[in-house]
Amino acid sequence: MRIFVYGTLMKGYAGHVAYLAGKEPEAEGYIHGKMYHLPEGYPTAIFTPGFRIYGEVYDIDEETMHRIREYEDVFEAEPIYEERTADVYTDKGVICAAVFFASKTFEEHAGASGVHVPSGRWSGGL
């Protein structure tokens, strides 16, 4: 299965070391959405046509995906993220991948307390 990552799971960040160690991106590209840097120190994405979020695509197994779902807290009663499928636009064509977007209940927090990252490229902070 494929996953698109745009924050702490990208190569060079702590999440990558913990969950994707030894893996190289299959492709780099973008999805449609707005990125926000949160006061908690990590990014989130809100699906928004007309905006881009850049990141990496990885091909992973189900066990790794389950661990990443736990990392992203999708199993919580009020999750921060929700998993969706999105088209990732790459130089290899369009790739369908799982993406963790802000949950509907968390979108308001992201917009109110987060800082919009207009470039769509997260660099670990502002």
N, C-alpha and C. Protein backbone atom coordinates (compact mmCIF):
# COMPACT_ATOMS: atom_id res chain seq x y z
N MET A 1 0.84 -1.17 0.00
CA MET A 1 0.00 0.00 0.00
C MET A 1 0.89 1.24 0.00
N ARG A 2 0.31 2.31 -0.49
CA ARG A 2 1.09 3.55 -0.57
C ARG A 2 0.57 4.59 0.41
N ILE A 3 1.51 5.37 0.92
CA ILE A 3 1.19 6.44 1.84
C ILE A 3 1.93 7.70 1.40
N PHE A 4 1.25 8.84 1.49
CA PHE A 4 1.85 10.14 1.21
C PHE A 4 2.11 10.80 2.55
N VAL A 5 3.35 11.22 2.79
CA VAL A 5 3.72 11.88 4.05
C VAL A 5 4.22 13.29 3.76
N TYR A 6 3.91 14.23 4.65
CA TYR A 6 4.25 15.63 4.42
C TYR A 6 4.86 16.30 5.64
N GLY A 7 5.09 15.56 6.71
CA GLY A 7 5.60 16.18 7.94
C GLY A 7 6.64 15.32 8.61
N THR A 8 6.38 14.95 9.85
CA THR A 8 7.37 14.25 10.67
C THR A 8 7.74 12.87 10.15
N LEU A 9 6.97 12.32 9.20
CA LEU A 9 7.29 11.01 8.62
C LEU A 9 8.19 11.12 7.39
N MET A 10 8.48 12.35 6.94
CA MET A 10 9.37 12.52 5.80
C MET A 10 10.81 12.19 6.19
N LYS A 11 11.57 11.83 5.18
CA LYS A 11 12.98 11.50 5.37
C LYS A 11 13.69 12.67 6.05
N GLY A 12 14.46 12.36 7.08
CA GLY A 12 15.20 13.38 7.81
C GLY A 12 14.54 13.80 9.11
N TYR A 13 13.34 13.29 9.38
CA TYR A 13 12.63 13.66 10.60
C TYR A 13 12.44 12.43 11.50
N ALA A 14 12.13 12.68 12.77
CA ALA A 14 12.07 11.62 13.78
C ALA A 14 11.05 10.53 13.44
N GLY A 15 9.91 10.90 12.89
CA GLY A 15 8.91 9.90 12.54
C GLY A 15 9.39 8.94 11.48
N HIS A 16 10.18 9.45 10.56
CA HIS A 16 10.74 8.59 9.51
C HIS A 16 11.68 7.56 10.12
N VAL A 17 12.52 8.00 11.04
CA VAL A 17 13.46 7.09 11.70
C VAL A 17 12.69 6.00 12.45
N ALA A 18 11.61 6.37 13.12
CA ALA A 18 10.86 5.42 13.93
C ALA A 18 9.98 4.47 13.12
N TYR A 19 9.43 4.93 11.98
CA TYR A 19 8.44 4.12 11.26
C TYR A 19 8.83 3.75 9.84
N LEU A 20 9.73 4.48 9.22
CA LEU A 20 10.08 4.22 7.82
C LEU A 20 11.59 4.05 7.62
N ALA A 21 12.30 3.73 8.69
CA ALA A 21 13.76 3.60 8.63
C ALA A 21 14.17 2.66 7.50
N GLY A 22 15.15 3.09 6.72
CA GLY A 22 15.68 2.27 5.64
C GLY A 22 14.87 2.35 4.35
N LYS A 23 13.75 3.03 4.38
CA LYS A 23 12.93 3.14 3.17
C LYS A 23 13.23 4.45 2.45
N GLU A 24 13.21 4.37 1.14
CA GLU A 24 13.39 5.54 0.29
C GLU A 24 12.04 5.89 -0.34
N PRO A 25 11.79 7.16 -0.57
CA PRO A 25 10.53 7.52 -1.21
C PRO A 25 10.43 6.92 -2.62
N GLU A 26 9.25 6.45 -2.94
CA GLU A 26 8.98 5.96 -4.30
C GLU A 26 8.89 7.15 -5.25
N ALA A 27 8.36 8.26 -4.73
CA ALA A 27 8.21 9.48 -5.53
C ALA A 27 8.04 10.66 -4.59
N GLU A 28 8.25 11.83 -5.14
CA GLU A 28 7.94 13.08 -4.45
C GLU A 28 6.85 13.76 -5.26
N GLY A 29 5.98 14.48 -4.57
CA GLY A 29 4.90 15.15 -5.28
C GLY A 29 4.07 16.01 -4.37
N TYR A 30 2.84 16.27 -4.79
CA TYR A 30 1.97 17.12 -3.98
C TYR A 30 0.54 16.59 -4.03
N ILE A 31 -0.21 16.99 -3.00
CA ILE A 31 -1.65 16.75 -2.93
C ILE A 31 -2.32 18.11 -2.85
N HIS A 32 -3.62 18.13 -3.04
CA HIS A 32 -4.36 19.38 -2.87
C HIS A 32 -4.70 19.56 -1.39
N GLY A 33 -4.36 20.72 -0.85
CA GLY A 33 -4.68 21.01 0.53
C GLY A 33 -3.91 22.19 1.05
N LYS A 34 -4.32 22.66 2.23
CA LYS A 34 -3.62 23.72 2.95
C LYS A 34 -2.88 23.07 4.12
N MET A 35 -1.65 23.47 4.31
CA MET A 35 -0.84 22.97 5.42
C MET A 35 -0.80 24.02 6.53
N TYR A 36 -0.91 23.52 7.76
CA TYR A 36 -0.80 24.38 8.94
C TYR A 36 0.27 23.81 9.86
N HIS A 37 1.13 24.69 10.36
CA HIS A 37 2.10 24.30 11.39
C HIS A 37 1.43 24.57 12.72
N LEU A 38 1.31 23.53 13.54
CA LEU A 38 0.59 23.64 14.81
C LEU A 38 1.52 24.03 15.95
N PRO A 39 0.99 24.66 17.00
CA PRO A 39 1.81 25.04 18.15
C PRO A 39 2.46 23.82 18.82
N GLU A 40 1.86 22.64 18.61
CA GLU A 40 2.42 21.41 19.18
C GLU A 40 3.70 20.98 18.48
N GLY A 41 4.04 21.63 17.35
CA GLY A 41 5.31 21.39 16.68
C GLY A 41 5.27 20.49 15.46
N TYR A 42 4.09 20.19 14.95
CA TYR A 42 4.00 19.34 13.77
C TYR A 42 2.94 19.92 12.83
N PRO A 43 2.92 19.45 11.58
CA PRO A 43 1.97 20.00 10.63
C PRO A 43 0.68 19.18 10.55
N THR A 44 -0.33 19.80 9.97
CA THR A 44 -1.54 19.09 9.60
C THR A 44 -2.01 19.64 8.27
N ALA A 45 -2.88 18.89 7.63
CA ALA A 45 -3.37 19.25 6.31
C ALA A 45 -4.89 19.30 6.31
N ILE A 46 -5.42 20.27 5.60
CA ILE A 46 -6.86 20.36 5.38
C ILE A 46 -7.08 20.34 3.88
N PHE A 47 -7.88 19.39 3.41
CA PHE A 47 -8.13 19.30 1.98
C PHE A 47 -8.75 20.60 1.49
N THR A 48 -8.05 21.25 0.54
CA THR A 48 -8.51 22.52 -0.01
C THR A 48 -8.06 22.60 -1.46
N PRO A 49 -8.98 22.49 -2.41
CA PRO A 49 -8.59 22.63 -3.82
C PRO A 49 -7.94 23.99 -4.05
N GLY A 50 -6.98 24.03 -4.96
CA GLY A 50 -6.31 25.28 -5.30
C GLY A 50 -5.05 25.53 -4.50
N PHE A 51 -4.76 24.69 -3.50
CA PHE A 51 -3.54 24.80 -2.71
C PHE A 51 -2.79 23.48 -2.81
N ARG A 52 -1.48 23.52 -2.54
CA ARG A 52 -0.66 22.32 -2.64
C ARG A 52 0.10 22.06 -1.35
N ILE A 53 0.24 20.77 -1.05
CA ILE A 53 1.09 20.30 0.04
C ILE A 53 2.07 19.32 -0.56
N TYR A 54 3.35 19.55 -0.34
CA TYR A 54 4.39 18.71 -0.92
C TYR A 54 4.88 17.67 0.07
N GLY A 55 5.25 16.52 -0.45
CA GLY A 55 5.75 15.45 0.40
C GLY A 55 6.27 14.27 -0.39
N GLU A 56 6.27 13.12 0.26
CA GLU A 56 6.88 11.90 -0.30
C GLU A 56 5.89 10.75 -0.28
N VAL A 57 6.02 9.86 -1.26
CA VAL A 57 5.19 8.66 -1.34
C VAL A 57 6.06 7.45 -1.01
N TYR A 58 5.54 6.60 -0.13
CA TYR A 58 6.23 5.36 0.24
C TYR A 58 5.31 4.18 -0.02
N ASP A 59 5.91 3.06 -0.39
CA ASP A 59 5.19 1.79 -0.52
C ASP A 59 5.49 1.01 0.76
N ILE A 60 4.46 0.74 1.56
CA ILE A 60 4.66 0.09 2.86
C ILE A 60 3.73 -1.11 3.02
N ASP A 61 4.04 -1.95 3.99
CA ASP A 61 3.20 -3.11 4.27
C ASP A 61 2.12 -2.75 5.30
N GLU A 62 1.17 -3.65 5.49
CA GLU A 62 0.04 -3.39 6.38
C GLU A 62 0.48 -3.19 7.84
N GLU A 63 1.49 -3.94 8.28
CA GLU A 63 1.97 -3.80 9.66
C GLU A 63 2.52 -2.40 9.90
N THR A 64 3.31 -1.90 8.95
CA THR A 64 3.85 -0.54 9.06
C THR A 64 2.72 0.48 9.05
N MET A 65 1.74 0.27 8.20
CA MET A 65 0.61 1.19 8.13
C MET A 65 -0.15 1.21 9.45
N HIS A 66 -0.33 0.06 10.06
CA HIS A 66 -1.03 0.01 11.36
C HIS A 66 -0.26 0.81 12.41
N ARG A 67 1.06 0.66 12.42
CA ARG A 67 1.89 1.42 13.38
C ARG A 67 1.79 2.92 13.12
N ILE A 68 1.74 3.30 11.85
CA ILE A 68 1.61 4.72 11.51
C ILE A 68 0.23 5.24 11.91
N ARG A 69 -0.79 4.43 11.74
CA ARG A 69 -2.14 4.83 12.19
C ARG A 69 -2.14 5.08 13.70
N GLU A 70 -1.46 4.24 14.44
CA GLU A 70 -1.35 4.46 15.89
C GLU A 70 -0.60 5.76 16.17
N TYR A 71 0.50 5.99 15.47
CA TYR A 71 1.31 7.21 15.61
C TYR A 71 0.45 8.45 15.33
N GLU A 72 -0.42 8.37 14.35
CA GLU A 72 -1.27 9.50 13.97
C GLU A 72 -2.55 9.57 14.81
N ASP A 73 -2.70 8.68 15.79
CA ASP A 73 -3.83 8.68 16.73
C ASP A 73 -5.19 8.52 16.06
N VAL A 74 -5.28 7.80 14.96
CA VAL A 74 -6.57 7.67 14.28
C VAL A 74 -7.55 6.78 15.04
N PHE A 75 -7.06 6.01 16.02
CA PHE A 75 -7.94 5.13 16.77
C PHE A 75 -8.50 5.79 18.03
N GLU A 76 -8.15 7.04 18.29
CA GLU A 76 -8.63 7.76 19.47
C GLU A 76 -10.12 8.12 19.32
N ALA A 77 -10.79 8.37 20.43
CA ALA A 77 -12.21 8.75 20.39
C ALA A 77 -12.42 10.05 19.62
N GLU A 78 -11.51 11.00 19.81
CA GLU A 78 -11.55 12.26 19.07
C GLU A 78 -10.20 12.44 18.37
N PRO A 79 -10.02 11.79 17.23
CA PRO A 79 -8.72 11.80 16.57
C PRO A 79 -8.34 13.17 15.99
N ILE A 80 -7.06 13.42 15.96
CA ILE A 80 -6.53 14.62 15.32
C ILE A 80 -6.55 14.43 13.81
N TYR A 81 -6.17 13.24 13.38
CA TYR A 81 -6.08 12.94 11.95
C TYR A 81 -7.10 11.89 11.55
N GLU A 82 -7.46 11.93 10.28
CA GLU A 82 -8.24 10.85 9.69
C GLU A 82 -7.58 10.46 8.38
N GLU A 83 -7.62 9.18 8.13
CA GLU A 83 -7.00 8.64 6.92
C GLU A 83 -7.97 8.75 5.75
N ARG A 84 -7.47 9.28 4.66
CA ARG A 84 -8.25 9.37 3.43
C ARG A 84 -7.36 8.95 2.27
N THR A 85 -7.98 8.68 1.15
CA THR A 85 -7.23 8.39 -0.07
C THR A 85 -7.21 9.66 -0.91
N ALA A 86 -6.05 9.96 -1.49
CA ALA A 86 -5.93 11.15 -2.32
C ALA A 86 -5.03 10.88 -3.51
N ASP A 87 -5.21 11.67 -4.54
CA ASP A 87 -4.31 11.62 -5.69
C ASP A 87 -3.07 12.44 -5.36
N VAL A 88 -1.92 11.83 -5.61
CA VAL A 88 -0.64 12.51 -5.43
C VAL A 88 -0.08 12.76 -6.82
N TYR A 89 0.22 14.02 -7.11
CA TYR A 89 0.72 14.40 -8.42
C TYR A 89 2.24 14.39 -8.38
N THR A 90 2.85 13.48 -9.17
CA THR A 90 4.30 13.29 -9.15
C THR A 90 4.84 13.36 -10.58
N ASP A 91 6.16 13.36 -10.69
CA ASP A 91 6.77 13.31 -12.03
C ASP A 91 6.62 11.93 -12.66
N LYS A 92 6.14 10.95 -11.89
CA LYS A 92 5.88 9.60 -12.40
C LYS A 92 4.41 9.41 -12.75
N GLY A 93 3.65 10.48 -12.66
CA GLY A 93 2.21 10.40 -12.90
C GLY A 93 1.44 10.54 -11.60
N VAL A 94 0.14 10.32 -11.67
CA VAL A 94 -0.71 10.43 -10.50
C VAL A 94 -0.71 9.10 -9.76
N ILE A 95 -0.45 9.16 -8.45
CA ILE A 95 -0.40 7.97 -7.60
C ILE A 95 -1.48 8.12 -6.54
N CYS A 96 -2.28 7.10 -6.37
CA CYS A 96 -3.30 7.09 -5.32
C CYS A 96 -2.65 6.59 -4.03
N ALA A 97 -2.80 7.34 -2.94
CA ALA A 97 -2.14 6.99 -1.69
C ALA A 97 -2.99 7.39 -0.49
N ALA A 98 -2.74 6.73 0.63
CA ALA A 98 -3.37 7.12 1.89
C ALA A 98 -2.69 8.40 2.37
N VAL A 99 -3.49 9.29 2.93
CA VAL A 99 -2.99 10.57 3.48
C VAL A 99 -3.70 10.80 4.80
N PHE A 100 -2.99 11.35 5.78
CA PHE A 100 -3.60 11.70 7.05
C PHE A 100 -3.88 13.20 7.06
N PHE A 101 -5.17 13.52 6.90
CA PHE A 101 -5.65 14.90 6.94
C PHE A 101 -6.17 15.19 8.34
N ALA A 102 -6.28 16.48 8.67
CA ALA A 102 -6.92 16.87 9.93
C ALA A 102 -8.33 16.30 9.95
N SER A 103 -8.73 15.75 11.09
CA SER A 103 -10.10 15.26 11.22
C SER A 103 -11.05 16.46 11.16
N LYS A 104 -12.29 16.20 10.84
CA LYS A 104 -13.28 17.29 10.75
C LYS A 104 -13.37 18.06 12.06
N THR A 105 -13.27 17.36 13.20
CA THR A 105 -13.36 18.05 14.49
C THR A 105 -12.09 18.84 14.80
N PHE A 106 -10.97 18.49 14.19
CA PHE A 106 -9.71 19.16 14.48
C PHE A 106 -9.43 20.31 13.51
N GLU A 107 -10.15 20.37 12.40
CA GLU A 107 -9.89 21.42 11.40
C GLU A 107 -10.01 22.82 12.00
N GLU A 108 -10.99 23.04 12.86
CA GLU A 108 -11.17 24.37 13.45
C GLU A 108 -9.96 24.75 14.30
N HIS A 109 -9.46 23.82 15.11
CA HIS A 109 -8.26 24.08 15.92
C HIS A 109 -7.07 24.42 15.02
N ALA A 110 -6.90 23.65 13.95
CA ALA A 110 -5.78 23.88 13.04
C ALA A 110 -5.84 25.28 12.43
N GLY A 111 -7.02 25.67 11.98
CA GLY A 111 -7.17 26.99 11.37
C GLY A 111 -7.03 28.13 12.37
N ALA A 112 -7.47 27.90 13.62
CA ALA A 112 -7.44 28.96 14.63
C ALA A 112 -6.08 29.10 15.30
N SER A 113 -5.42 27.98 15.59
CA SER A 113 -4.16 28.06 16.35
C SER A 113 -2.92 27.76 15.51
N GLY A 114 -3.12 27.17 14.35
CA GLY A 114 -1.99 26.85 13.49
C GLY A 114 -1.60 28.03 12.62
N VAL A 115 -0.42 27.95 12.04
CA VAL A 115 0.07 28.97 11.12
C VAL A 115 0.06 28.37 9.73
N HIS A 116 -0.66 29.01 8.81
CA HIS A 116 -0.71 28.52 7.44
C HIS A 116 0.70 28.54 6.85
N VAL A 117 1.06 27.47 6.18
CA VAL A 117 2.37 27.36 5.50
C VAL A 117 2.07 27.51 4.01
N PRO A 118 2.14 28.73 3.47
CA PRO A 118 1.72 28.96 2.09
C PRO A 118 2.53 28.20 1.04
N SER A 119 3.78 27.88 1.36
CA SER A 119 4.61 27.15 0.40
C SER A 119 4.18 25.69 0.27
N GLY A 120 3.46 25.19 1.30
CA GLY A 120 3.06 23.79 1.30
C GLY A 120 4.21 22.83 1.58
N ARG A 121 5.34 23.38 2.04
CA ARG A 121 6.52 22.57 2.33
C ARG A 121 6.88 22.73 3.80
N TRP A 122 6.78 21.64 4.55
CA TRP A 122 7.09 21.70 5.96
C TRP A 122 8.57 21.49 6.17
N SER A 123 9.15 22.27 7.06
CA SER A 123 10.60 22.17 7.31
C SER A 123 10.90 21.97 8.79
N GLY A 124 9.96 21.40 9.53
CA GLY A 124 10.19 21.14 10.94
C GLY A 124 9.87 22.28 11.86
N GLY A 125 9.49 23.38 11.33
CA GLY A 125 9.14 24.55 12.13
C GLY A 125 9.03 25.76 11.25
N LEU A 126 8.82 26.90 11.89
CA LEU A 126 8.67 28.13 11.12
C LEU A 126 9.85 29.03 11.30
